[in-house]
N, C-alpha and C. Protein backbone atom coordinates (compact mmCIF):
# COMPACT_ATOMS: atom_id res chain seq x y z
N UNK A 1 114.40 165.08 49.89
CA UNK A 1 114.25 163.62 49.86
C UNK A 1 114.29 163.11 51.28
N UNK A 2 113.33 162.30 51.63
CA UNK A 2 113.26 161.81 52.99
C UNK A 2 114.28 160.70 53.22
N UNK A 3 114.80 160.62 54.46
CA UNK A 3 115.76 159.60 54.85
C UNK A 3 115.00 158.40 55.39
N UNK A 4 115.30 157.21 54.85
CA UNK A 4 114.58 156.02 55.30
C UNK A 4 114.94 155.69 56.74
N UNK A 5 114.03 154.97 57.40
CA UNK A 5 114.28 154.55 58.79
C UNK A 5 115.53 153.66 58.87
N UNK A 6 115.65 152.76 57.87
CA UNK A 6 116.80 151.86 57.88
C UNK A 6 118.10 152.66 57.70
N UNK A 7 118.08 153.63 56.79
CA UNK A 7 119.27 154.44 56.58
C UNK A 7 119.64 155.24 57.81
N UNK A 8 118.61 155.77 58.50
CA UNK A 8 118.85 156.53 59.71
C UNK A 8 119.50 155.66 60.77
N UNK A 9 118.98 154.44 60.93
CA UNK A 9 119.52 153.53 61.95
C UNK A 9 120.96 153.13 61.62
N UNK A 10 121.24 152.86 60.35
CA UNK A 10 122.59 152.50 59.96
C UNK A 10 123.56 153.65 60.20
N UNK A 11 123.10 154.86 59.86
CA UNK A 11 123.96 156.02 60.08
C UNK A 11 124.24 156.26 61.54
N UNK A 12 123.20 156.07 62.37
CA UNK A 12 123.37 156.26 63.80
C UNK A 12 124.32 155.22 64.37
N UNK A 13 124.18 153.98 63.90
CA UNK A 13 125.05 152.91 64.38
C UNK A 13 126.51 153.20 64.04
N UNK A 14 126.72 153.69 62.83
CA UNK A 14 128.09 154.01 62.43
C UNK A 14 128.67 155.13 63.26
N UNK A 15 127.84 156.13 63.57
CA UNK A 15 128.28 157.25 64.39
C UNK A 15 128.67 156.78 65.79
N UNK A 16 127.83 155.94 66.37
CA UNK A 16 128.11 155.43 67.71
C UNK A 16 129.36 154.57 67.72
N UNK A 17 129.53 153.77 66.68
CA UNK A 17 130.73 152.93 66.60
C UNK A 17 131.98 153.79 66.52
N UNK A 18 131.89 154.88 65.77
CA UNK A 18 133.04 155.75 65.64
C UNK A 18 133.39 156.46 66.92
N UNK A 19 132.40 156.65 67.78
CA UNK A 19 132.63 157.37 69.04
C UNK A 19 132.95 156.43 70.19
N UNK A 20 132.93 155.12 69.96
CA UNK A 20 133.14 154.16 71.04
C UNK A 20 134.56 154.25 71.58
N UNK A 21 134.70 154.22 72.90
CA UNK A 21 136.01 154.26 73.55
C UNK A 21 136.15 153.10 74.52
N UNK A 22 135.40 152.01 74.27
CA UNK A 22 135.41 150.90 75.21
C UNK A 22 136.70 150.09 75.16
N UNK A 23 137.32 149.98 73.99
CA UNK A 23 138.51 149.15 73.86
C UNK A 23 139.72 149.83 74.48
N UNK A 24 140.68 149.01 74.99
CA UNK A 24 141.89 149.59 75.58
C UNK A 24 142.79 150.21 74.53
N UNK A 25 143.46 151.28 74.89
CA UNK A 25 144.42 151.94 74.00
C UNK A 25 145.80 151.39 74.36
N UNK A 26 146.16 150.27 73.74
CA UNK A 26 147.40 149.61 74.12
C UNK A 26 148.62 150.47 73.83
N UNK A 27 148.58 151.22 72.74
CA UNK A 27 149.72 152.08 72.42
C UNK A 27 149.97 153.10 73.52
N UNK A 28 148.89 153.68 74.05
CA UNK A 28 149.03 154.64 75.14
C UNK A 28 149.46 153.95 76.43
N UNK A 29 148.93 152.75 76.68
CA UNK A 29 149.27 152.02 77.91
C UNK A 29 150.75 151.70 77.99
N UNK A 30 151.37 151.49 76.84
CA UNK A 30 152.78 151.08 76.83
C UNK A 30 153.67 152.12 76.15
N UNK A 31 153.23 153.37 76.19
CA UNK A 31 154.04 154.46 75.66
C UNK A 31 155.22 154.75 76.58
N UNK A 32 156.16 155.53 76.12
CA UNK A 32 157.34 155.86 76.93
C UNK A 32 156.93 156.61 78.19
N UNK A 33 157.70 156.42 79.24
CA UNK A 33 157.49 157.10 80.52
C UNK A 33 158.75 157.92 80.83
N UNK A 34 158.86 159.10 80.21
CA UNK A 34 160.10 159.87 80.33
C UNK A 34 160.33 160.50 81.69
N UNK A 35 159.28 160.59 82.52
CA UNK A 35 159.42 161.25 83.81
C UNK A 35 159.88 160.30 84.92
N UNK A 36 160.07 159.04 84.59
CA UNK A 36 160.58 158.10 85.59
C UNK A 36 162.01 158.46 85.99
N UNK A 37 162.41 158.05 87.18
CA UNK A 37 163.80 158.25 87.63
C UNK A 37 164.76 157.66 86.62
N UNK A 38 164.40 156.50 86.10
CA UNK A 38 165.12 155.89 84.99
C UNK A 38 164.09 155.75 83.86
N UNK A 39 164.09 156.70 82.91
CA UNK A 39 163.02 156.74 81.91
C UNK A 39 162.82 155.40 81.21
N UNK A 40 161.55 155.05 81.04
CA UNK A 40 161.20 153.80 80.37
C UNK A 40 160.82 154.09 78.92
N UNK A 41 161.45 153.41 77.98
CA UNK A 41 161.05 153.59 76.58
C UNK A 41 159.71 152.92 76.32
N UNK A 42 159.09 153.27 75.22
CA UNK A 42 157.84 152.61 74.84
C UNK A 42 158.09 151.12 74.67
N UNK A 43 157.09 150.33 75.05
CA UNK A 43 157.16 148.88 74.91
C UNK A 43 156.60 148.49 73.55
N UNK A 44 157.38 147.87 72.68
CA UNK A 44 156.85 147.46 71.37
C UNK A 44 155.68 146.48 71.53
N UNK A 45 154.55 146.84 71.00
CA UNK A 45 153.36 146.01 71.18
C UNK A 45 153.51 144.62 70.59
N UNK A 46 154.30 144.50 69.53
CA UNK A 46 154.46 143.18 68.93
C UNK A 46 155.18 142.20 69.85
N UNK A 47 155.80 142.73 70.91
CA UNK A 47 156.49 141.87 71.87
C UNK A 47 155.59 141.46 73.04
N UNK A 48 154.35 141.96 73.05
CA UNK A 48 153.41 141.62 74.12
C UNK A 48 152.22 140.91 73.49
N UNK A 49 152.01 139.66 73.81
CA UNK A 49 150.85 138.96 73.28
C UNK A 49 149.58 139.71 73.67
N UNK A 50 148.61 139.84 72.77
CA UNK A 50 147.40 140.61 73.07
C UNK A 50 146.72 140.19 74.36
N UNK A 51 146.70 138.89 74.64
CA UNK A 51 146.01 138.41 75.85
C UNK A 51 146.78 138.73 77.13
N UNK A 52 148.03 139.18 77.01
CA UNK A 52 148.82 139.52 78.19
C UNK A 52 148.88 141.03 78.43
N UNK A 53 148.27 141.81 77.56
CA UNK A 53 148.30 143.26 77.71
C UNK A 53 147.28 143.71 78.76
N UNK A 54 147.63 144.77 79.45
CA UNK A 54 146.75 145.32 80.49
C UNK A 54 145.42 145.79 79.90
N UNK A 55 144.32 145.38 80.55
CA UNK A 55 143.02 145.89 80.14
C UNK A 55 141.96 145.61 81.21
N UNK A 56 140.95 146.46 81.24
CA UNK A 56 139.83 146.27 82.15
C UNK A 56 138.91 145.19 81.58
N UNK A 57 138.48 144.28 82.46
CA UNK A 57 137.66 143.15 82.02
C UNK A 57 136.53 142.91 83.02
N UNK A 58 135.53 142.16 82.57
CA UNK A 58 134.52 141.66 83.50
C UNK A 58 135.15 140.60 84.38
N UNK A 59 134.86 140.66 85.69
CA UNK A 59 135.51 139.72 86.61
C UNK A 59 134.61 139.51 87.83
N UNK A 60 133.96 138.35 87.86
CA UNK A 60 133.10 138.01 88.99
C UNK A 60 133.97 137.44 90.11
N UNK A 61 133.91 138.04 91.28
CA UNK A 61 134.75 137.62 92.39
C UNK A 61 134.09 137.99 93.71
N UNK A 62 134.32 137.20 94.76
CA UNK A 62 133.79 137.56 96.08
C UNK A 62 134.64 138.59 96.81
N UNK A 63 135.81 138.93 96.24
CA UNK A 63 136.74 139.82 96.95
C UNK A 63 136.37 141.29 96.76
N UNK A 64 136.65 142.08 97.78
CA UNK A 64 136.30 143.49 97.77
C UNK A 64 137.15 144.27 96.77
N UNK A 65 136.62 145.41 96.36
CA UNK A 65 137.38 146.31 95.50
C UNK A 65 138.70 146.67 96.18
N UNK A 66 139.76 146.71 95.41
CA UNK A 66 141.09 147.00 95.94
C UNK A 66 141.93 145.75 96.15
N UNK A 67 141.28 144.58 96.20
CA UNK A 67 142.02 143.33 96.37
C UNK A 67 142.80 143.00 95.11
N UNK A 68 143.99 142.50 95.28
CA UNK A 68 144.80 141.98 94.18
C UNK A 68 144.69 140.46 94.21
N UNK A 69 144.26 139.88 93.09
CA UNK A 69 144.15 138.43 92.97
C UNK A 69 145.18 137.96 91.95
N UNK A 70 146.09 137.10 92.40
CA UNK A 70 147.10 136.51 91.53
C UNK A 70 146.62 135.12 91.14
N UNK A 71 146.25 134.96 89.88
CA UNK A 71 145.80 133.66 89.37
C UNK A 71 147.01 132.98 88.75
N UNK A 72 147.71 132.22 89.58
CA UNK A 72 148.98 131.63 89.15
C UNK A 72 148.84 130.70 87.95
N UNK A 73 147.89 129.74 87.95
CA UNK A 73 147.81 128.85 86.79
C UNK A 73 147.52 129.58 85.48
N UNK A 74 146.72 130.64 85.55
CA UNK A 74 146.34 131.38 84.33
C UNK A 74 147.39 132.42 83.93
N UNK A 75 148.39 132.67 84.80
CA UNK A 75 149.40 133.71 84.56
C UNK A 75 148.75 135.08 84.39
N UNK A 76 147.81 135.37 85.29
CA UNK A 76 147.11 136.65 85.25
C UNK A 76 147.04 137.24 86.66
N UNK A 77 147.06 138.55 86.75
CA UNK A 77 146.84 139.26 88.00
C UNK A 77 145.66 140.19 87.79
N UNK A 78 144.74 140.20 88.77
CA UNK A 78 143.55 141.06 88.70
C UNK A 78 143.57 142.04 89.87
N UNK A 79 143.36 143.31 89.56
CA UNK A 79 143.13 144.31 90.60
C UNK A 79 141.64 144.61 90.59
N UNK A 80 140.96 144.15 91.63
CA UNK A 80 139.49 144.21 91.66
C UNK A 80 139.03 145.66 91.76
N UNK A 81 138.15 146.05 90.83
CA UNK A 81 137.62 147.41 90.79
C UNK A 81 136.24 147.52 91.44
N UNK A 82 135.56 146.38 91.57
CA UNK A 82 134.19 146.39 92.10
C UNK A 82 133.19 146.38 90.97
N UNK A 83 131.93 146.08 91.34
CA UNK A 83 130.82 146.06 90.37
C UNK A 83 131.12 145.12 89.20
N UNK A 84 131.76 143.98 89.50
CA UNK A 84 132.01 142.98 88.48
C UNK A 84 133.11 143.31 87.49
N UNK A 85 133.99 144.23 87.84
CA UNK A 85 135.07 144.63 86.93
C UNK A 85 136.42 144.51 87.62
N UNK A 86 137.46 144.33 86.82
CA UNK A 86 138.82 144.29 87.34
C UNK A 86 139.79 144.73 86.25
N UNK A 87 140.94 145.21 86.67
CA UNK A 87 142.03 145.46 85.74
C UNK A 87 142.86 144.19 85.68
N UNK A 88 143.07 143.68 84.48
CA UNK A 88 143.78 142.42 84.30
C UNK A 88 145.16 142.68 83.69
N UNK A 89 146.16 142.01 84.25
CA UNK A 89 147.53 142.12 83.76
C UNK A 89 148.09 140.72 83.49
N UNK A 90 148.91 140.59 82.46
CA UNK A 90 149.67 139.36 82.28
C UNK A 90 150.86 139.35 83.23
N UNK A 91 151.21 138.17 83.74
CA UNK A 91 152.31 138.07 84.71
C UNK A 91 153.17 136.85 84.40
N UNK A 92 154.36 136.85 84.97
CA UNK A 92 155.21 135.68 85.04
C UNK A 92 155.18 135.20 86.48
N UNK A 93 155.24 133.89 86.69
CA UNK A 93 155.11 133.33 88.04
C UNK A 93 156.27 132.40 88.35
N UNK A 94 156.26 131.89 89.60
CA UNK A 94 157.35 131.04 90.05
C UNK A 94 157.26 129.63 89.51
N UNK A 95 158.42 128.98 89.47
CA UNK A 95 158.45 127.57 89.12
C UNK A 95 157.74 126.76 90.20
N UNK A 96 157.35 125.53 89.84
CA UNK A 96 156.69 124.65 90.79
C UNK A 96 157.53 124.52 92.06
N UNK A 97 156.88 124.69 93.20
CA UNK A 97 157.58 124.58 94.48
C UNK A 97 158.11 125.87 95.01
N UNK A 98 158.08 126.91 94.19
CA UNK A 98 158.59 128.21 94.63
C UNK A 98 157.51 129.26 94.52
N UNK A 99 156.44 129.07 95.25
CA UNK A 99 155.32 130.01 95.11
C UNK A 99 154.58 130.17 96.43
N UNK A 100 154.05 131.36 96.62
CA UNK A 100 153.21 131.66 97.77
C UNK A 100 151.78 131.27 97.43
N UNK A 101 151.01 130.86 98.44
CA UNK A 101 149.60 130.53 98.24
C UNK A 101 148.79 131.10 99.39
N UNK A 102 147.54 131.47 99.10
CA UNK A 102 146.65 131.98 100.13
C UNK A 102 146.66 133.48 100.22
N UNK A 103 146.30 134.00 101.39
CA UNK A 103 146.13 135.44 101.58
C UNK A 103 147.38 136.08 102.17
N UNK A 104 147.65 137.27 101.72
CA UNK A 104 148.73 138.09 102.26
C UNK A 104 148.24 139.54 102.19
N UNK A 105 149.13 140.46 102.54
CA UNK A 105 148.78 141.87 102.40
C UNK A 105 150.03 142.64 102.02
N UNK A 106 149.82 143.83 101.50
CA UNK A 106 150.93 144.67 101.07
C UNK A 106 151.57 145.30 102.30
N UNK A 107 152.81 144.90 102.60
CA UNK A 107 153.51 145.45 103.76
C UNK A 107 154.21 146.75 103.45
N UNK A 108 154.70 146.88 102.25
CA UNK A 108 155.34 148.13 101.81
C UNK A 108 155.48 148.12 100.30
N UNK A 109 155.82 149.28 99.75
CA UNK A 109 156.02 149.43 98.31
C UNK A 109 157.31 150.23 98.10
N UNK A 110 157.95 150.02 96.96
CA UNK A 110 159.18 150.76 96.68
C UNK A 110 159.29 151.05 95.19
N UNK A 111 159.74 152.27 94.87
CA UNK A 111 160.02 152.64 93.49
C UNK A 111 161.49 152.37 93.18
N UNK A 112 161.75 151.78 92.03
CA UNK A 112 163.09 151.41 91.60
C UNK A 112 163.86 150.79 92.77
N UNK A 113 163.36 149.66 93.28
CA UNK A 113 163.92 149.08 94.50
C UNK A 113 165.29 148.43 94.28
N UNK A 114 166.02 148.33 95.38
CA UNK A 114 167.25 147.53 95.36
C UNK A 114 166.86 146.07 95.53
N UNK A 115 167.80 145.18 95.27
CA UNK A 115 167.50 143.74 95.35
C UNK A 115 168.70 142.99 95.89
N UNK A 116 168.43 142.08 96.81
CA UNK A 116 169.44 141.17 97.33
C UNK A 116 168.87 139.76 97.29
N UNK A 117 169.54 138.81 96.66
CA UNK A 117 169.00 137.45 96.62
C UNK A 117 168.93 136.85 98.03
N UNK A 118 167.90 136.06 98.27
CA UNK A 118 167.78 135.40 99.57
C UNK A 118 168.80 134.28 99.68
N UNK A 119 169.00 133.81 100.91
CA UNK A 119 169.92 132.69 101.12
C UNK A 119 169.48 131.46 100.34
N UNK A 120 168.15 131.23 100.29
CA UNK A 120 167.65 130.08 99.54
C UNK A 120 167.96 130.21 98.05
N UNK A 121 167.83 131.42 97.52
CA UNK A 121 168.12 131.63 96.11
C UNK A 121 169.59 131.37 95.81
N UNK A 122 170.45 131.80 96.72
CA UNK A 122 171.89 131.58 96.53
C UNK A 122 172.21 130.09 96.60
N UNK A 123 171.58 129.37 97.53
CA UNK A 123 171.83 127.93 97.64
C UNK A 123 171.34 127.18 96.40
N UNK A 124 170.16 127.59 95.89
CA UNK A 124 169.59 126.89 94.74
C UNK A 124 170.38 127.15 93.46
N UNK A 125 170.89 128.37 93.31
CA UNK A 125 171.54 128.73 92.06
C UNK A 125 172.74 129.64 92.34
N UNK A 126 173.80 129.08 92.96
CA UNK A 126 174.94 129.93 93.33
C UNK A 126 175.64 130.55 92.13
N UNK A 127 175.70 129.85 91.01
CA UNK A 127 176.39 130.40 89.84
C UNK A 127 175.76 131.71 89.38
N UNK A 128 174.43 131.79 89.51
CA UNK A 128 173.73 132.99 89.06
C UNK A 128 173.66 134.06 90.14
N UNK A 129 173.45 133.66 91.40
CA UNK A 129 173.07 134.62 92.43
C UNK A 129 174.16 135.00 93.43
N UNK A 130 175.21 134.18 93.58
CA UNK A 130 176.22 134.49 94.60
C UNK A 130 176.88 135.83 94.35
N UNK A 131 177.09 136.17 93.11
CA UNK A 131 177.76 137.44 92.79
C UNK A 131 176.94 138.66 93.19
N UNK A 132 175.63 138.44 93.44
CA UNK A 132 174.76 139.55 93.85
C UNK A 132 174.49 139.58 95.35
N UNK A 133 175.22 138.78 96.11
CA UNK A 133 174.94 138.65 97.54
C UNK A 133 175.03 139.98 98.28
N UNK A 134 175.84 140.89 97.77
CA UNK A 134 175.97 142.20 98.41
C UNK A 134 174.87 143.17 98.05
N UNK A 135 173.98 142.76 97.16
CA UNK A 135 172.86 143.61 96.78
C UNK A 135 173.09 144.32 95.45
N UNK A 136 171.99 144.66 94.80
CA UNK A 136 172.01 145.37 93.52
C UNK A 136 171.19 146.64 93.68
N UNK A 137 171.76 147.81 93.41
CA UNK A 137 170.99 149.05 93.56
C UNK A 137 169.86 149.13 92.54
N UNK A 138 168.86 149.94 92.86
CA UNK A 138 167.74 150.13 91.94
C UNK A 138 168.21 150.76 90.64
N UNK A 139 167.56 150.36 89.54
CA UNK A 139 167.92 150.90 88.25
C UNK A 139 167.45 150.00 87.13
N UNK A 140 167.76 150.36 85.91
CA UNK A 140 167.25 149.62 84.76
C UNK A 140 167.77 148.19 84.66
N UNK A 141 168.87 147.88 85.34
CA UNK A 141 169.41 146.52 85.30
C UNK A 141 169.04 145.69 86.53
N UNK A 142 168.25 146.26 87.42
CA UNK A 142 167.86 145.54 88.63
C UNK A 142 166.76 144.54 88.31
N UNK A 143 166.86 143.29 88.77
CA UNK A 143 165.86 142.27 88.46
C UNK A 143 164.44 142.62 88.91
N UNK A 144 164.29 143.51 89.89
CA UNK A 144 162.95 143.87 90.36
C UNK A 144 162.29 144.94 89.50
N UNK A 145 163.03 145.50 88.57
CA UNK A 145 162.43 146.47 87.66
C UNK A 145 162.05 147.78 88.32
N UNK A 146 160.99 148.40 87.79
CA UNK A 146 160.64 149.77 88.16
C UNK A 146 159.94 149.89 89.51
N UNK A 147 159.28 148.85 89.96
CA UNK A 147 158.54 148.91 91.22
C UNK A 147 158.54 147.53 91.89
N UNK A 148 158.36 147.56 93.21
CA UNK A 148 158.17 146.31 93.96
C UNK A 148 157.08 146.51 95.00
N UNK A 149 156.22 145.52 95.12
CA UNK A 149 155.16 145.47 96.12
C UNK A 149 155.46 144.25 96.99
N UNK A 150 155.71 144.48 98.28
CA UNK A 150 156.21 143.45 99.19
C UNK A 150 155.04 142.81 99.94
N UNK A 151 154.96 141.49 99.89
CA UNK A 151 153.85 140.77 100.50
C UNK A 151 154.21 140.27 101.89
N UNK A 152 153.30 140.52 102.82
CA UNK A 152 153.50 140.16 104.23
C UNK A 152 152.37 139.25 104.70
N UNK A 153 152.67 138.46 105.72
CA UNK A 153 151.67 137.67 106.44
C UNK A 153 151.98 137.76 107.93
N UNK A 154 150.98 138.10 108.73
CA UNK A 154 151.14 138.15 110.19
C UNK A 154 152.32 139.01 110.63
N UNK A 155 152.51 140.13 109.94
CA UNK A 155 153.57 141.06 110.31
C UNK A 155 154.94 140.69 109.81
N UNK A 156 155.06 139.61 109.08
CA UNK A 156 156.36 139.14 108.60
C UNK A 156 156.45 139.21 107.09
N UNK A 157 157.62 139.59 106.59
CA UNK A 157 157.88 139.63 105.16
C UNK A 157 157.93 138.20 104.64
N UNK A 158 157.10 137.87 103.66
CA UNK A 158 157.08 136.52 103.11
C UNK A 158 158.25 136.28 102.15
N UNK A 159 158.95 137.34 101.79
CA UNK A 159 160.04 137.30 100.81
C UNK A 159 159.52 137.14 99.38
N UNK A 160 158.21 137.25 99.20
CA UNK A 160 157.62 137.24 97.87
C UNK A 160 157.21 138.66 97.50
N UNK A 161 157.39 138.99 96.24
CA UNK A 161 157.08 140.34 95.77
C UNK A 161 156.31 140.28 94.45
N UNK A 162 155.58 141.34 94.22
CA UNK A 162 155.05 141.63 92.89
C UNK A 162 155.95 142.73 92.35
N UNK A 163 156.61 142.49 91.23
CA UNK A 163 157.61 143.46 90.80
C UNK A 163 157.73 143.50 89.29
N UNK A 164 158.49 144.47 88.80
CA UNK A 164 158.76 144.58 87.38
C UNK A 164 159.80 143.57 86.95
N UNK A 165 160.28 143.72 85.74
CA UNK A 165 161.27 142.76 85.24
C UNK A 165 162.13 143.38 84.15
N UNK A 166 163.34 142.88 84.03
CA UNK A 166 164.22 143.24 82.92
C UNK A 166 164.10 142.22 81.80
N UNK A 167 163.20 141.23 81.96
CA UNK A 167 163.00 140.17 80.97
C UNK A 167 161.53 140.12 80.56
N UNK A 168 161.09 141.08 79.75
CA UNK A 168 159.66 141.13 79.41
C UNK A 168 159.17 139.87 78.71
N UNK A 169 160.05 139.14 78.06
CA UNK A 169 159.65 137.90 77.38
C UNK A 169 159.22 136.82 78.38
N UNK A 170 159.54 137.00 79.68
CA UNK A 170 159.17 135.99 80.69
C UNK A 170 157.72 136.10 81.12
N UNK A 171 157.03 137.17 80.75
CA UNK A 171 155.63 137.33 81.12
C UNK A 171 154.80 136.24 80.44
N UNK A 172 153.96 135.59 81.23
CA UNK A 172 153.17 134.47 80.72
C UNK A 172 153.81 133.12 80.99
N UNK A 173 155.00 133.13 81.62
CA UNK A 173 155.71 131.88 81.87
C UNK A 173 155.90 131.63 83.36
N UNK A 174 156.27 130.39 83.71
CA UNK A 174 156.58 130.01 85.08
C UNK A 174 158.07 129.71 85.15
N UNK A 175 158.83 130.68 85.65
CA UNK A 175 160.28 130.50 85.62
C UNK A 175 161.01 131.27 86.71
N UNK A 176 160.31 132.12 87.47
CA UNK A 176 160.98 132.93 88.47
C UNK A 176 161.21 132.13 89.74
N UNK A 177 161.81 132.78 90.73
CA UNK A 177 162.08 132.12 92.01
C UNK A 177 160.89 132.23 92.96
N UNK A 178 159.72 132.44 92.42
CA UNK A 178 158.52 132.46 93.25
C UNK A 178 157.78 133.77 93.21
N UNK A 179 158.47 134.84 92.88
CA UNK A 179 157.83 136.15 92.86
C UNK A 179 156.98 136.31 91.60
N UNK A 180 156.14 137.35 91.61
CA UNK A 180 155.24 137.63 90.51
C UNK A 180 155.85 138.76 89.67
N UNK A 181 156.14 138.46 88.43
CA UNK A 181 156.74 139.45 87.54
C UNK A 181 155.67 140.13 86.70
N UNK A 182 155.87 141.43 86.46
CA UNK A 182 155.00 142.19 85.57
C UNK A 182 155.87 143.02 84.63
N UNK A 183 155.31 143.37 83.48
CA UNK A 183 155.98 144.35 82.64
C UNK A 183 156.17 145.63 83.44
N UNK A 184 157.26 146.33 83.23
CA UNK A 184 157.51 147.55 84.01
C UNK A 184 156.38 148.56 83.89
N UNK A 185 155.84 148.73 82.69
CA UNK A 185 154.72 149.66 82.52
C UNK A 185 153.52 149.23 83.36
N UNK A 186 153.30 147.93 83.45
CA UNK A 186 152.15 147.43 84.19
C UNK A 186 152.35 147.55 85.70
N UNK A 187 153.56 147.28 86.17
CA UNK A 187 153.77 147.36 87.61
C UNK A 187 153.73 148.82 88.08
N UNK A 188 154.14 149.74 87.22
CA UNK A 188 154.00 151.17 87.56
C UNK A 188 152.52 151.51 87.68
N UNK A 189 151.71 151.03 86.76
CA UNK A 189 150.27 151.28 86.78
C UNK A 189 149.63 150.70 88.04
N UNK A 190 149.95 149.45 88.38
CA UNK A 190 149.39 148.81 89.57
C UNK A 190 149.88 149.49 90.85
N UNK A 191 151.14 149.84 90.89
CA UNK A 191 151.75 150.47 92.06
C UNK A 191 151.00 151.73 92.47
N UNK A 192 150.59 152.51 91.48
CA UNK A 192 149.90 153.77 91.75
C UNK A 192 148.52 153.55 92.36
N UNK A 193 147.96 152.37 92.18
CA UNK A 193 146.60 152.09 92.62
C UNK A 193 146.54 151.18 93.84
N UNK A 194 147.57 150.39 94.06
CA UNK A 194 147.61 149.49 95.21
C UNK A 194 147.97 150.28 96.47
N UNK A 195 147.42 149.86 97.60
CA UNK A 195 147.65 150.57 98.85
C UNK A 195 148.31 149.66 99.88
N UNK A 196 149.20 150.23 100.67
CA UNK A 196 149.82 149.47 101.75
C UNK A 196 148.72 149.00 102.71
N UNK A 197 148.76 147.74 103.06
CA UNK A 197 147.72 147.14 103.88
C UNK A 197 146.66 146.43 103.05
N UNK A 198 146.64 146.67 101.74
CA UNK A 198 145.65 146.05 100.87
C UNK A 198 145.83 144.54 100.78
N UNK A 199 144.73 143.85 100.57
CA UNK A 199 144.76 142.38 100.54
C UNK A 199 145.28 141.85 99.20
N UNK A 200 146.03 140.78 99.28
CA UNK A 200 146.50 140.06 98.10
C UNK A 200 146.15 138.60 98.28
N UNK A 201 145.49 138.02 97.28
CA UNK A 201 145.10 136.61 97.31
C UNK A 201 145.84 135.91 96.18
N UNK A 202 146.61 134.87 96.53
CA UNK A 202 147.36 134.13 95.54
C UNK A 202 146.72 132.76 95.34
N UNK A 203 146.20 132.53 94.14
CA UNK A 203 145.53 131.28 93.81
C UNK A 203 146.52 130.34 93.15
N UNK A 204 146.53 129.08 93.60
CA UNK A 204 147.35 128.04 92.99
C UNK A 204 146.44 126.97 92.38
N UNK A 205 147.02 126.13 91.55
CA UNK A 205 146.24 125.07 90.89
C UNK A 205 145.71 124.07 91.93
């Protein structure tokens, strides 16, 4: 019995659909990371809004591949891949008045970094930050999370960072002291691809 043209096309379409790998594998992206210095458990997907999950997207931009673009109003960070594509991450950003704007570059990177609140942070919120004035060692309870990317301008540390967080629910919100927060799984992913000296562009409203 001969196969109709329509049946052949439908069968082929179904085969191609079954073989498609274009969509992101969110379960794999947020699976446990047991080889970390401080192992990271899997991130429950129901706690990450779909629009805030890491994924490659179309992204028209004048910036060169390798540039990190922080879109503060949209609560998104893009790592430009080139050819109209970028890796997009959901982020948490600083409250109004506590944010960097314009161009910077990556001065250094650190895995499981230590953290010391700045003098300004202590003045603004002594009840929360004074007790940490001596510094907090890197680890699962450190506010900077699994990684930190330090932003510089003209050879000087701006005191702003792209870093992980111990408060994953803060992603998508404006509540930090100016730094850019990412899910720990996402900042580990970005850290591996970002290079010291690479450009960072911070867009404000």
